[in-house]
């Protein structure tokens, strides 16, 4: 089986809710020569005519269809729709039978599946959510001189099947149908994950900022309490009244009028460190 490798050098844009220049690389995108982008794997015994690869693709596609019927809830649509199956078949049709390489452009997948580019993107997300396929986002050098524009740009994704993440029902079917021709490689592969929207990135940064502020604020308060506990009576009174000398004088007179300080007076002079559980 030949790999057309169509669109491997073309800029690959991902439709999203936000606007983003196509010359800007997405998060977790790796150079095509980076080891993290080398995810091509085969789960069949290589052969001269790729008959084992074709057999694997056929059994795999049918197993996915049966799995979709198996997990379908009563009265609900198939979790893996016909469009998703068409996208899967388009990917398998360009997967190299000897190396497992599969990096077609979205336009190539759309053409082979006879679906729109936007539909392809949605169905790819469905297949990834069901652990059927995954992919790594990749970049290539633009050739621009330093300071004259982006140094990297997005290219086509590299798609792969991760046997360790496949639903067990599909794995069992592959074992039964392929027998000794199935190669279950134990290789941990990692995809790039979903492309975050601008709003998601802003929300994440805002949450981190609020969490950091609350954490640092709580730390300062705890340090102040420890400082007061270890300090003198005068230092605690100074903390309470600051520059209000008259209030400090009245407090000292109140304490001197009692032979035994009241509970409230003791608490004012000797603050107790309380845990969160005690506070609650």
Foldseek 3Di string as FASTA:
>chain_A
DAAPCAQQPPQADDDDPDDDDQQDDFPQAAACPDPLQQPADDFFDADPVLPRLVLLLVLLLVLVVVVQVVPDDPPDDRLQDPLLSLLSVQQSVNQDSPGRWGFHGLVSSCVSSVHDSNSSSVSVVSCVVQLAKAWAWYWYAPPDDPPRGRGIGTTTITMDRQPVRHDVSSVVSCCVSVPPRTHNDPDDHDYSDDGDDPVRVVVVVVVVVVVVVVVVVVVVVVVVLVVLQPDDQVVLLCVVQPPPVVVSVVLVVVQVVDPDDDPVNCCSRHPDDDDPVVVD
